[in-house]
Amino acid sequence: MGYGLLAGAIAAEILATTSMKYSEGFSRLWPSLLTGAGYLVSFVLLARALKTLQVGTAYAIWSGVGTAVVAAIGYLFLGESLGVAKIAGILLIIAGVVVLNLGGAH
């Protein structure tokens, strides 16, 4: 249950962050509203997930997966660059999430 809620929180955060790009500094109504709603849903689901998951592990997964996916969306759909440094940074984030999960395993 906790990981399902966490997956929903991640999806909502990705939607919110992508919408923020289209809000043009919160000057466009619908993308701005989608940004706010997405973050609200994300935080509610993350808070619910934290009832059963460890905070460090859950937050690492939430932020790490969100960062990696948003970087991929930026590259694939928004024409953003993806150089060696960005790829290395994303891989380091993923490695950190894996290490935290291994360290928290019972």
PDB file of N, CA and C in Angstrom:
ATOM      1  N   MET A   1       0.821  -1.197   0.000  1.00  0.00           N
ATOM      2  CA  MET A   1       0.000   0.000   0.000  1.00  0.00           C
ATOM      3  C   MET A   1       0.862   1.258   0.000  1.00  0.00           C
ATOM      4  N   GLY A   2       1.902   1.267   0.833  1.00  0.00           N
ATOM      5  CA  GLY A   2       2.762   2.440   0.934  1.00  0.00           C
ATOM      6  C   GLY A   2       3.464   2.771  -0.370  1.00  0.00           C
ATOM      7  N   TYR A   3       3.953   1.740  -1.059  1.00  0.00           N
ATOM      8  CA  TYR A   3       4.661   1.998  -2.315  1.00  0.00           C
ATOM      9  C   TYR A   3       3.700   2.404  -3.430  1.00  0.00           C
ATOM     10  N   GLY A   4       2.467   1.945  -3.378  1.00  0.00           N
ATOM     11  CA  GLY A   4       1.466   2.392  -4.345  1.00  0.00           C
ATOM     12  C   GLY A   4       1.149   3.867  -4.161  1.00  0.00           C
ATOM     13  N   LEU A   5       0.991   4.285  -2.908  1.00  0.00           N
ATOM     14  CA  LEU A   5       0.775   5.697  -2.619  1.00  0.00           C
ATOM     15  C   LEU A   5       1.983   6.533  -3.038  1.00  0.00           C
ATOM     16  N   LEU A   6       3.160   5.995  -2.800  1.00  0.00           N
ATOM     17  CA  LEU A   6       4.382   6.700  -3.191  1.00  0.00           C
ATOM     18  C   LEU A   6       4.456   6.848  -4.711  1.00  0.00           C
ATOM     19  N   ALA A   7       4.080   5.814  -5.442  1.00  0.00           N
ATOM     20  CA  ALA A   7       4.072   5.897  -6.908  1.00  0.00           C
ATOM     21  C   ALA A   7       3.099   6.975  -7.382  1.00  0.00           C
ATOM     22  N   GLY A   8       1.937   7.062  -6.753  1.00  0.00           N
ATOM     23  CA  GLY A   8       0.986   8.120  -7.091  1.00  0.00           C
ATOM     24  C   GLY A   8       1.537   9.494  -6.780  1.00  0.00           C
ATOM     25  N   ALA A   9       2.232   9.616  -5.648  1.00  0.00           N
ATOM     26  CA  ALA A   9       2.842  10.889  -5.267  1.00  0.00           C
ATOM     27  C   ALA A   9       3.902  11.303  -6.285  1.00  0.00           C
ATOM     28  N   ILE A  10       4.662  10.338  -6.754  1.00  0.00           N
ATOM     29  CA  ILE A  10       5.695  10.627  -7.760  1.00  0.00           C
ATOM     30  C   ILE A  10       5.049  11.082  -9.061  1.00  0.00           C
ATOM     31  N   ALA A  11       4.013  10.383  -9.496  1.00  0.00           N
ATOM     32  CA  ALA A  11       3.333  10.746 -10.748  1.00  0.00           C
ATOM     33  C   ALA A  11       2.741  12.151 -10.665  1.00  0.00           C
ATOM     34  N   ALA A  12       2.128  12.480  -9.524  1.00  0.00           N
ATOM     35  CA  ALA A  12       1.542  13.810  -9.351  1.00  0.00           C
ATOM     36  C   ALA A  12       2.627  14.885  -9.332  1.00  0.00           C
ATOM     37  N   GLU A  13       3.756  14.588  -8.714  1.00  0.00           N
ATOM     38  CA  GLU A  13       4.857  15.556  -8.664  1.00  0.00           C
ATOM     39  C   GLU A  13       5.439  15.790 -10.051  1.00  0.00           C
ATOM     40  N   ILE A  14       5.559  14.736 -10.838  1.00  0.00           N
ATOM     41  CA  ILE A  14       6.074  14.868 -12.207  1.00  0.00           C
ATOM     42  C   ILE A  14       5.115  15.713 -13.049  1.00  0.00           C
ATOM     43  N   LEU A  15       3.825  15.449 -12.926  1.00  0.00           N
ATOM     44  CA  LEU A  15       2.821  16.236 -13.641  1.00  0.00           C
ATOM     45  C   LEU A  15       2.887  17.699 -13.217  1.00  0.00           C
ATOM     46  N   ALA A  16       3.004  17.953 -11.923  1.00  0.00           N
ATOM     47  CA  ALA A  16       3.051  19.324 -11.413  1.00  0.00           C
ATOM     48  C   ALA A  16       4.289  20.061 -11.912  1.00  0.00           C
ATOM     49  N   THR A  17       5.428  19.410 -11.864  1.00  0.00           N
ATOM     50  CA  THR A  17       6.665  20.065 -12.292  1.00  0.00           C
ATOM     51  C   THR A  17       6.652  20.339 -13.784  1.00  0.00           C
ATOM     52  N   THR A  18       6.152  19.395 -14.568  1.00  0.00           N
ATOM     53  CA  THR A  18       6.048  19.611 -16.013  1.00  0.00           C
ATOM     54  C   THR A  18       5.068  20.731 -16.318  1.00  0.00           C
ATOM     55  N   SER A  19       3.956  20.780 -15.598  1.00  0.00           N
ATOM     56  CA  SER A  19       2.974  21.849 -15.788  1.00  0.00           C
ATOM     57  C   SER A  19       3.563  23.212 -15.439  1.00  0.00           C
ATOM     58  N   MET A  20       4.449  23.230 -14.442  1.00  0.00           N
ATOM     59  CA  MET A  20       5.064  24.488 -14.047  1.00  0.00           C
ATOM     60  C   MET A  20       5.845  25.101 -15.211  1.00  0.00           C
ATOM     61  N   LYS A  21       6.470  24.269 -16.009  1.00  0.00           N
ATOM     62  CA  LYS A  21       7.200  24.748 -17.182  1.00  0.00           C
ATOM     63  C   LYS A  21       6.253  25.494 -18.115  1.00  0.00           C
ATOM     64  N   TYR A  22       5.053  24.951 -18.289  1.00  0.00           N
ATOM     65  CA  TYR A  22       4.075  25.547 -19.197  1.00  0.00           C
ATOM     66  C   TYR A  22       3.307  26.713 -18.575  1.00  0.00           C
ATOM     67  N   SER A  23       3.447  26.935 -17.270  1.00  0.00           N
ATOM     68  CA  SER A  23       2.728  28.030 -16.620  1.00  0.00           C
ATOM     69  C   SER A  23       3.343  29.395 -16.944  1.00  0.00           C
ATOM     70  N   GLU A  24       4.541  29.387 -17.491  1.00  0.00           N
ATOM     71  CA  GLU A  24       5.261  30.617 -17.843  1.00  0.00           C
ATOM     72  C   GLU A  24       5.293  31.592 -16.665  1.00  0.00           C
ATOM     73  N   GLY A  25       5.870  31.096 -15.561  1.00  0.00           N
ATOM     74  CA  GLY A  25       6.004  31.927 -14.363  1.00  0.00           C
ATOM     75  C   GLY A  25       4.675  32.193 -13.688  1.00  0.00           C
ATOM     76  N   PHE A  26       3.776  31.230 -13.761  1.00  0.00           N
ATOM     77  CA  PHE A  26       2.425  31.329 -13.204  1.00  0.00           C
ATOM     78  C   PHE A  26       1.611  32.448 -13.848  1.00  0.00           C
ATOM     79  N   SER A  27       1.891  32.737 -15.113  1.00  0.00           N
ATOM     80  CA  SER A  27       1.125  33.751 -15.834  1.00  0.00           C
ATOM     81  C   SER A  27       0.020  33.130 -16.697  1.00  0.00           C
ATOM     82  N   ARG A  28       0.013  31.805 -16.827  1.00  0.00           N
ATOM     83  CA  ARG A  28      -1.047  31.097 -17.566  1.00  0.00           C
ATOM     84  C   ARG A  28      -1.884  30.312 -16.559  1.00  0.00           C
ATOM     85  N   LEU A  29      -3.203  30.504 -16.620  1.00  0.00           N
ATOM     86  CA  LEU A  29      -4.104  29.984 -15.594  1.00  0.00           C
ATOM     87  C   LEU A  29      -4.089  28.469 -15.476  1.00  0.00           C
ATOM     88  N   TRP A  30      -4.407  27.731 -16.537  1.00  0.00           N
ATOM     89  CA  TRP A  30      -4.602  26.287 -16.418  1.00  0.00           C
ATOM     90  C   TRP A  30      -3.338  25.530 -16.041  1.00  0.00           C
ATOM     91  N   PRO A  31      -2.205  25.828 -16.661  1.00  0.00           N
ATOM     92  CA  PRO A  31      -0.992  25.141 -16.193  1.00  0.00           C
ATOM     93  C   PRO A  31      -0.645  25.500 -14.746  1.00  0.00           C
ATOM     94  N   SER A  32      -0.943  26.723 -14.330  1.00  0.00           N
ATOM     95  CA  SER A  32      -0.677  27.136 -12.943  1.00  0.00           C
ATOM     96  C   SER A  32      -1.555  26.363 -11.976  1.00  0.00           C
ATOM     97  N   LEU A  33      -2.845  26.218 -12.318  1.00  0.00           N
ATOM     98  CA  LEU A  33      -3.757  25.457 -11.468  1.00  0.00           C
ATOM     99  C   LEU A  33      -3.361  23.987 -11.410  1.00  0.00           C
ATOM    100  N   LEU A  34      -2.933  23.441 -12.552  1.00  0.00           N
ATOM    101  CA  LEU A  34      -2.488  22.046 -12.586  1.00  0.00           C
ATOM    102  C   LEU A  34      -1.234  21.854 -11.743  1.00  0.00           C
ATOM    103  N   THR A  35      -0.355  22.834 -11.748  1.00  0.00           N
ATOM    104  CA  THR A  35       0.846  22.777 -10.912  1.00  0.00           C
ATOM    105  C   THR A  35       0.466  22.710  -9.432  1.00  0.00           C
ATOM    106  N   GLY A  36      -0.390  23.625  -9.010  1.00  0.00           N
ATOM    107  CA  GLY A  36      -0.806  23.647  -7.608  1.00  0.00           C
ATOM    108  C   GLY A  36      -1.530  22.381  -7.195  1.00  0.00           C
ATOM    109  N   ALA A  37      -2.451  21.932  -8.041  1.00  0.00           N
ATOM    110  CA  ALA A  37      -3.211  20.715  -7.729  1.00  0.00           C
ATOM    111  C   ALA A  37      -2.293  19.492  -7.701  1.00  0.00           C
ATOM    112  N   GLY A  38      -1.359  19.431  -8.636  1.00  0.00           N
ATOM    113  CA  GLY A  38      -0.433  18.301  -8.686  1.00  0.00           C
ATOM    114  C   GLY A  38       0.435  18.205  -7.453  1.00  0.00           C
ATOM    115  N   TYR A  39       0.949  19.355  -7.001  1.00  0.00           N
ATOM    116  CA  TYR A  39       1.770  19.331  -5.792  1.00  0.00           C
ATOM    117  C   TYR A  39       0.935  19.014  -4.555  1.00  0.00           C
ATOM    118  N   LEU A  40      -0.291  19.514  -4.495  1.00  0.00           N
ATOM    119  CA  LEU A  40      -1.162  19.201  -3.365  1.00  0.00           C
ATOM    120  C   LEU A  40      -1.421  17.695  -3.291  1.00  0.00           C
ATOM    121  N   VAL A  41      -1.781  17.101  -4.422  1.00  0.00           N
ATOM    122  CA  VAL A  41      -2.028  15.652  -4.464  1.00  0.00           C
ATOM    123  C   VAL A  41      -0.753  14.892  -4.108  1.00  0.00           C
ATOM    124  N   SER A  42       0.367  15.345  -4.643  1.00  0.00           N
ATOM    125  CA  SER A  42       1.636  14.676  -4.376  1.00  0.00           C
ATOM    126  C   SER A  42       1.964  14.669  -2.890  1.00  0.00           C
ATOM    127  N   PHE A  43       1.816  15.814  -2.231  1.00  0.00           N
ATOM    128  CA  PHE A  43       2.146  15.891  -0.807  1.00  0.00           C
ATOM    129  C   PHE A  43       1.174  15.083   0.043  1.00  0.00           C
ATOM    130  N   VAL A  44      -0.097  15.092  -0.330  1.00  0.00           N
ATOM    131  CA  VAL A  44      -1.070  14.297   0.423  1.00  0.00           C
ATOM    132  C   VAL A  44      -0.732  12.809   0.305  1.00  0.00           C
ATOM    133  N   LEU A  45      -0.449  12.345  -0.919  1.00  0.00           N
ATOM    134  CA  LEU A  45      -0.114  10.936  -1.105  1.00  0.00           C
ATOM    135  C   LEU A  45       1.204  10.576  -0.432  1.00  0.00           C
ATOM    136  N   LEU A  46       2.178  11.476  -0.494  1.00  0.00           N
ATOM    137  CA  LEU A  46       3.453  11.222   0.184  1.00  0.00           C
ATOM    138  C   LEU A  46       3.240  11.125   1.695  1.00  0.00           C
ATOM    139  N   ALA A  47       2.440  12.013   2.244  1.00  0.00           N
ATOM    140  CA  ALA A  47       2.158  11.963   3.683  1.00  0.00           C
ATOM    141  C   ALA A  47       1.469  10.658   4.068  1.00  0.00           C
ATOM    142  N   ARG A  48       0.555  10.198   3.233  1.00  0.00           N
ATOM    143  CA  ARG A  48      -0.130   8.926   3.511  1.00  0.00           C
ATOM    144  C   ARG A  48       0.850   7.761   3.408  1.00  0.00           C
ATOM    145  N   ALA A  49       1.751   7.820   2.425  1.00  0.00           N
ATOM    146  CA  ALA A  49       2.748   6.755   2.263  1.00  0.00           C
ATOM    147  C   ALA A  49       3.674   6.681   3.474  1.00  0.00           C
ATOM    148  N   LEU A  50       3.940   7.828   4.077  1.00  0.00           N
ATOM    149  CA  LEU A  50       4.857   7.865   5.229  1.00  0.00           C
ATOM    150  C   LEU A  50       4.282   7.204   6.473  1.00  0.00           C
ATOM    151  N   LYS A  51       3.012   6.843   6.434  1.00  0.00           N
ATOM    152  CA  LYS A  51       2.439   6.099   7.559  1.00  0.00           C
ATOM    153  C   LYS A  51       3.053   4.701   7.649  1.00  0.00           C
ATOM    154  N   THR A  52       3.511   4.166   6.504  1.00  0.00           N
ATOM    155  CA  THR A  52       4.061   2.805   6.502  1.00  0.00           C
ATOM    156  C   THR A  52       5.502   2.725   6.012  1.00  0.00           C
ATOM    157  N   LEU A  53       6.010   3.779   5.396  1.00  0.00           N
ATOM    158  CA  LEU A  53       7.383   3.762   4.866  1.00  0.00           C
ATOM    159  C   LEU A  53       8.286   4.664   5.700  1.00  0.00           C
ATOM    160  N   GLN A  54       9.569   4.368   5.704  1.00  0.00           N
ATOM    161  CA  GLN A  54      10.538   5.213   6.392  1.00  0.00           C
ATOM    162  C   GLN A  54      10.694   6.520   5.625  1.00  0.00           C
ATOM    163  N   VAL A  55      10.771   7.617   6.347  1.00  0.00           N
ATOM    164  CA  VAL A  55      10.787   8.925   5.716  1.00  0.00           C
ATOM    165  C   VAL A  55      12.003   9.116   4.802  1.00  0.00           C
ATOM    166  N   GLY A  56      13.176   8.697   5.242  1.00  0.00           N
ATOM    167  CA  GLY A  56      14.378   8.878   4.425  1.00  0.00           C
ATOM    168  C   GLY A  56      14.302   8.118   3.119  1.00  0.00           C
ATOM    169  N   THR A  57      13.855   6.891   3.189  1.00  0.00           N
ATOM    170  CA  THR A  57      13.740   6.057   1.991  1.00  0.00           C
ATOM    171  C   THR A  57      12.660   6.592   1.068  1.00  0.00           C
ATOM    172  N   ALA A  58      11.491   6.907   1.619  1.00  0.00           N
ATOM    173  CA  ALA A  58      10.376   7.396   0.796  1.00  0.00           C
ATOM    174  C   ALA A  58      10.731   8.708   0.115  1.00  0.00           C
ATOM    175  N   TYR A  59      11.338   9.613   0.861  1.00  0.00           N
ATOM    176  CA  TYR A  59      11.680  10.905   0.274  1.00  0.00           C
ATOM    177  C   TYR A  59      12.761  10.754  -0.789  1.00  0.00           C
ATOM    178  N   ALA A  60      13.724   9.885  -0.553  1.00  0.00           N
ATOM    179  CA  ALA A  60      14.775   9.659  -1.542  1.00  0.00           C
ATOM    180  C   ALA A  60      14.176   9.111  -2.840  1.00  0.00           C
ATOM    181  N   ILE A  61      13.262   8.171  -2.728  1.00  0.00           N
ATOM    182  CA  ILE A  61      12.626   7.611  -3.922  1.00  0.00           C
ATOM    183  C   ILE A  61      11.781   8.683  -4.602  1.00  0.00           C
ATOM    184  N   TRP A  62      10.981   9.405  -3.840  1.00  0.00           N
ATOM    185  CA  TRP A  62      10.097  10.430  -4.386  1.00  0.00           C
ATOM    186  C   TRP A  62      10.891  11.502  -5.139  1.00  0.00           C
ATOM    187  N   SER A  63      11.901  12.037  -4.502  1.00  0.00           N
ATOM    188  CA  SER A  63      12.668  13.109  -5.136  1.00  0.00           C
ATOM    189  C   SER A  63      13.581  12.588  -6.240  1.00  0.00           C
ATOM    190  N   GLY A  64      14.198  11.421  -6.019  1.00  0.00           N
ATOM    191  CA  GLY A  64      15.126  10.874  -7.009  1.00  0.00           C
ATOM    192  C   GLY A  64      14.432  10.462  -8.297  1.00  0.00           C
ATOM    193  N   VAL A  65      13.356   9.707  -8.178  1.00  0.00           N
ATOM    194  CA  VAL A  65      12.623   9.281  -9.371  1.00  0.00           C
ATOM    195  C   VAL A  65      12.027  10.493 -10.066  1.00  0.00           C
ATOM    196  N   GLY A  66      11.457  11.410  -9.283  1.00  0.00           N
ATOM    197  CA  GLY A  66      10.889  12.616  -9.877  1.00  0.00           C
ATOM    198  C   GLY A  66      11.925  13.420 -10.645  1.00  0.00           C
ATOM    199  N   THR A  67      13.097  13.600 -10.064  1.00  0.00           N
ATOM    200  CA  THR A  67      14.166  14.345 -10.727  1.00  0.00           C
ATOM    201  C   THR A  67      14.599  13.667 -12.020  1.00  0.00           C
ATOM    202  N   ALA A  68      14.810  12.362 -11.972  1.00  0.00           N
ATOM    203  CA  ALA A  68      15.257  11.635 -13.156  1.00  0.00           C
ATOM    204  C   ALA A  68      14.214  11.680 -14.269  1.00  0.00           C
ATOM    205  N   VAL A  69      12.955  11.471 -13.927  1.00  0.00           N
ATOM    206  CA  VAL A  69      11.906  11.467 -14.952  1.00  0.00           C
ATOM    207  C   VAL A  69      11.698  12.860 -15.537  1.00  0.00           C
ATOM    208  N   VAL A  70      11.708  13.886 -14.690  1.00  0.00           N
ATOM    209  CA  VAL A  70      11.545  15.249 -15.205  1.00  0.00           C
ATOM    210  C   VAL A  70      12.717  15.626 -16.112  1.00  0.00           C
ATOM    211  N   ALA A  71      13.916  15.213 -15.775  1.00  0.00           N
ATOM    212  CA  ALA A  71      15.068  15.470 -16.650  1.00  0.00           C
ATOM    213  C   ALA A  71      14.872  14.760 -17.992  1.00  0.00           C
ATOM    214  N   ALA A  72      14.366  13.545 -17.979  1.00  0.00           N
ATOM    215  CA  ALA A  72      14.110  12.809 -19.222  1.00  0.00           C
ATOM    216  C   ALA A  72      13.016  13.491 -20.045  1.00  0.00           C
ATOM    217  N   ILE A  73      11.954  13.946 -19.383  1.00  0.00           N
ATOM    218  CA  ILE A  73      10.888  14.656 -20.088  1.00  0.00           C
ATOM    219  C   ILE A  73      11.433  15.932 -20.719  1.00  0.00           C
ATOM    220  N   GLY A  74      12.263  16.649 -19.982  1.00  0.00           N
ATOM    221  CA  GLY A  74      12.881  17.859 -20.521  1.00  0.00           C
ATOM    222  C   GLY A  74      13.679  17.573 -21.776  1.00  0.00           C
ATOM    223  N   TYR A  75      14.432  16.503 -21.752  1.00  0.00           N
ATOM    224  CA  TYR A  75      15.245  16.128 -22.910  1.00  0.00           C
ATOM    225  C   TYR A  75      14.384  15.633 -24.072  1.00  0.00           C
ATOM    226  N   LEU A  76      13.458  14.732 -23.793  1.00  0.00           N
ATOM    227  CA  LEU A  76      12.680  14.084 -24.850  1.00  0.00           C
ATOM    228  C   LEU A  76      11.609  14.979 -25.471  1.00  0.00           C
ATOM    229  N   PHE A  77      10.981  15.835 -24.659  1.00  0.00           N
ATOM    230  CA  PHE A  77       9.817  16.563 -25.145  1.00  0.00           C
ATOM    231  C   PHE A  77       9.950  18.078 -25.134  1.00  0.00           C
ATOM    232  N   LEU A  78      10.905  18.608 -24.384  1.00  0.00           N
ATOM    233  CA  LEU A  78      11.010  20.055 -24.239  1.00  0.00           C
ATOM    234  C   LEU A  78      12.269  20.640 -24.857  1.00  0.00           C
ATOM    235  N   GLY A  79      13.047  19.808 -25.523  1.00  0.00           N
ATOM    236  CA  GLY A  79      14.227  20.288 -26.218  1.00  0.00           C
ATOM    237  C   GLY A  79      15.371  20.718 -25.326  1.00  0.00           C
ATOM    238  N   GLU A  80      15.401  20.228 -24.106  1.00  0.00           N
ATOM    239  CA  GLU A  80      16.487  20.583 -23.199  1.00  0.00           C
ATOM    240  C   GLU A  80      17.696  19.690 -23.453  1.00  0.00           C
ATOM    241  N   SER A  81      18.870  20.218 -23.148  1.00  0.00           N
ATOM    242  CA  SER A  81      20.098  19.466 -23.372  1.00  0.00           C
ATOM    243  C   SER A  81      20.289  18.411 -22.289  1.00  0.00           C
ATOM    244  N   LEU A  82      21.035  17.389 -22.652  1.00  0.00           N
ATOM    245  CA  LEU A  82      21.346  16.324 -21.700  1.00  0.00           C
ATOM    246  C   LEU A  82      22.800  15.924 -21.945  1.00  0.00           C
ATOM    247  N   GLY A  83      23.702  16.590 -21.235  1.00  0.00           N
ATOM    248  CA  GLY A  83      25.117  16.329 -21.405  1.00  0.00           C
ATOM    249  C   GLY A  83      25.617  15.277 -20.430  1.00  0.00           C
ATOM    250  N   VAL A  84      26.905  15.048 -20.493  1.00  0.00           N
ATOM    251  CA  VAL A  84      27.541  14.037 -19.651  1.00  0.00           C
ATOM    252  C   VAL A  84      27.355  14.363 -18.166  1.00  0.00           C
ATOM    253  N   ALA A  85      27.482  15.624 -17.799  1.00  0.00           N
ATOM    254  CA  ALA A  85      27.349  16.005 -16.389  1.00  0.00           C
ATOM    255  C   ALA A  85      25.932  15.722 -15.874  1.00  0.00           C
ATOM    256  N   LYS A  86      24.907  16.034 -16.677  1.00  0.00           N
ATOM    257  CA  LYS A  86      23.528  15.769 -16.252  1.00  0.00           C
ATOM    258  C   LYS A  86      23.277  14.278 -16.129  1.00  0.00           C
ATOM    259  N   ILE A  87      23.772  13.525 -17.078  1.00  0.00           N
ATOM    260  CA  ILE A  87      23.596  12.062 -17.022  1.00  0.00           C
ATOM    261  C   ILE A  87      24.284  11.503 -15.789  1.00  0.00           C
ATOM    262  N   ALA A  88      25.500  11.969 -15.514  1.00  0.00           N
ATOM    263  CA  ALA A  88      26.223  11.510 -14.320  1.00  0.00           C
ATOM    264  C   ALA A  88      25.457  11.877 -13.053  1.00  0.00           C
ATOM    265  N   GLY A  89      24.906  13.087 -13.006  1.00  0.00           N
ATOM    266  CA  GLY A  89      24.141  13.507 -11.839  1.00  0.00           C
ATOM    267  C   GLY A  89      22.912  12.640 -11.618  1.00  0.00           C
ATOM    268  N   ILE A  90      22.202  12.330 -12.691  1.00  0.00           N
ATOM    269  CA  ILE A  90      21.019  11.469 -12.587  1.00  0.00           C
ATOM    270  C   ILE A  90      21.412  10.078 -12.114  1.00  0.00           C
ATOM    271  N   LEU A  91      22.495   9.555 -12.641  1.00  0.00           N
ATOM    272  CA  LEU A  91      22.964   8.226 -12.213  1.00  0.00           C
ATOM    273  C   LEU A  91      23.371   8.229 -10.741  1.00  0.00           C
ATOM    274  N   LEU A  92      23.979   9.314 -10.292  1.00  0.00           N
ATOM    275  CA  LEU A  92      24.342   9.423  -8.870  1.00  0.00           C
ATOM    276  C   LEU A  92      23.100   9.478  -7.981  1.00  0.00           C
ATOM    277  N   ILE A  93      22.070  10.179  -8.436  1.00  0.00           N
ATOM    278  CA  ILE A  93      20.818  10.224  -7.678  1.00  0.00           C
ATOM    279  C   ILE A  93      20.224   8.834  -7.572  1.00  0.00           C
ATOM    280  N   ILE A  94      20.171   8.124  -8.683  1.00  0.00           N
ATOM    281  CA  ILE A  94      19.628   6.766  -8.694  1.00  0.00           C
ATOM    282  C   ILE A  94      20.454   5.862  -7.780  1.00  0.00           C
ATOM    283  N   ALA A  95      21.774   5.984  -7.851  1.00  0.00           N
ATOM    284  CA  ALA A  95      22.636   5.176  -6.986  1.00  0.00           C
ATOM    285  C   ALA A  95      22.375   5.486  -5.514  1.00  0.00           C
ATOM    286  N   GLY A  96      22.168   6.756  -5.193  1.00  0.00           N
ATOM    287  CA  GLY A  96      21.872   7.130  -3.817  1.00  0.00           C
ATOM    288  C   GLY A  96      20.569   6.531  -3.320  1.00  0.00           C
ATOM    289  N   VAL A  97      19.550   6.518  -4.173  1.00  0.00           N
ATOM    290  CA  VAL A  97      18.266   5.911  -3.803  1.00  0.00           C
ATOM    291  C   VAL A  97      18.446   4.419  -3.560  1.00  0.00           C
ATOM    292  N   VAL A  98      19.209   3.766  -4.420  1.00  0.00           N
ATOM    293  CA  VAL A  98      19.449   2.326  -4.256  1.00  0.00           C
ATOM    294  C   VAL A  98      20.175   2.053  -2.946  1.00  0.00           C
ATOM    295  N   VAL A  99      21.209   2.834  -2.652  1.00  0.00           N
ATOM    296  CA  VAL A  99      21.978   2.631  -1.418  1.00  0.00           C
ATOM    297  C   VAL A  99      21.092   2.851  -0.188  1.00  0.00           C
ATOM    298  N   LEU A 100      20.258   3.883  -0.211  1.00  0.00           N
ATOM    299  CA  LEU A 100      19.363   4.122   0.920  1.00  0.00           C
ATOM    300  C   LEU A 100      18.385   2.968   1.098  1.00  0.00           C
ATOM    301  N   ASN A 101      17.893   2.431  -0.004  1.00  0.00           N
ATOM    302  CA  ASN A 101      16.974   1.293   0.087  1.00  0.00           C
ATOM    303  C   ASN A 101      17.671   0.054   0.615  1.00  0.00           C
ATOM    304  N   LEU A 102      18.900  -0.192   0.183  1.00  0.00           N
ATOM    305  CA  LEU A 102      19.642  -1.354   0.671  1.00  0.00           C
ATOM    306  C   LEU A 102      19.969  -1.191   2.151  1.00  0.00           C
ATOM    307  N   GLY A 103      20.289   0.017   2.554  1.00  0.00           N
ATOM    308  CA  GLY A 103      20.614   0.275   3.950  1.00  0.00           C
ATOM    309  C   GLY A 103      19.402   0.179   4.866  1.00  0.00           C
ATOM    310  N   GLY A 104      18.206   0.403   4.304  1.00  0.00           N
ATOM    311  CA  GLY A 104      16.991   0.355   5.106  1.00  0.00           C
ATOM    312  C   GLY A 104      16.275  -0.964   5.048  1.00  0.00           C
ATOM    313  N   ALA A 105      16.821  -1.919   4.283  1.00  0.00           N
ATOM    314  CA  ALA A 105      16.160  -3.224   4.138  1.00  0.00           C
ATOM    315  C   ALA A 105      16.238  -3.988   5.445  1.00  0.00           C
ATOM    316  N   HIS A 106      15.168  -4.698   5.769  1.00  0.00           N
ATOM    317  CA  HIS A 106      15.133  -5.497   7.017  1.00  0.00           C
ATOM    318  C   HIS A 106      15.256  -6.962   6.691  1.00  0.00           C
TER     319      HIS A 106
END
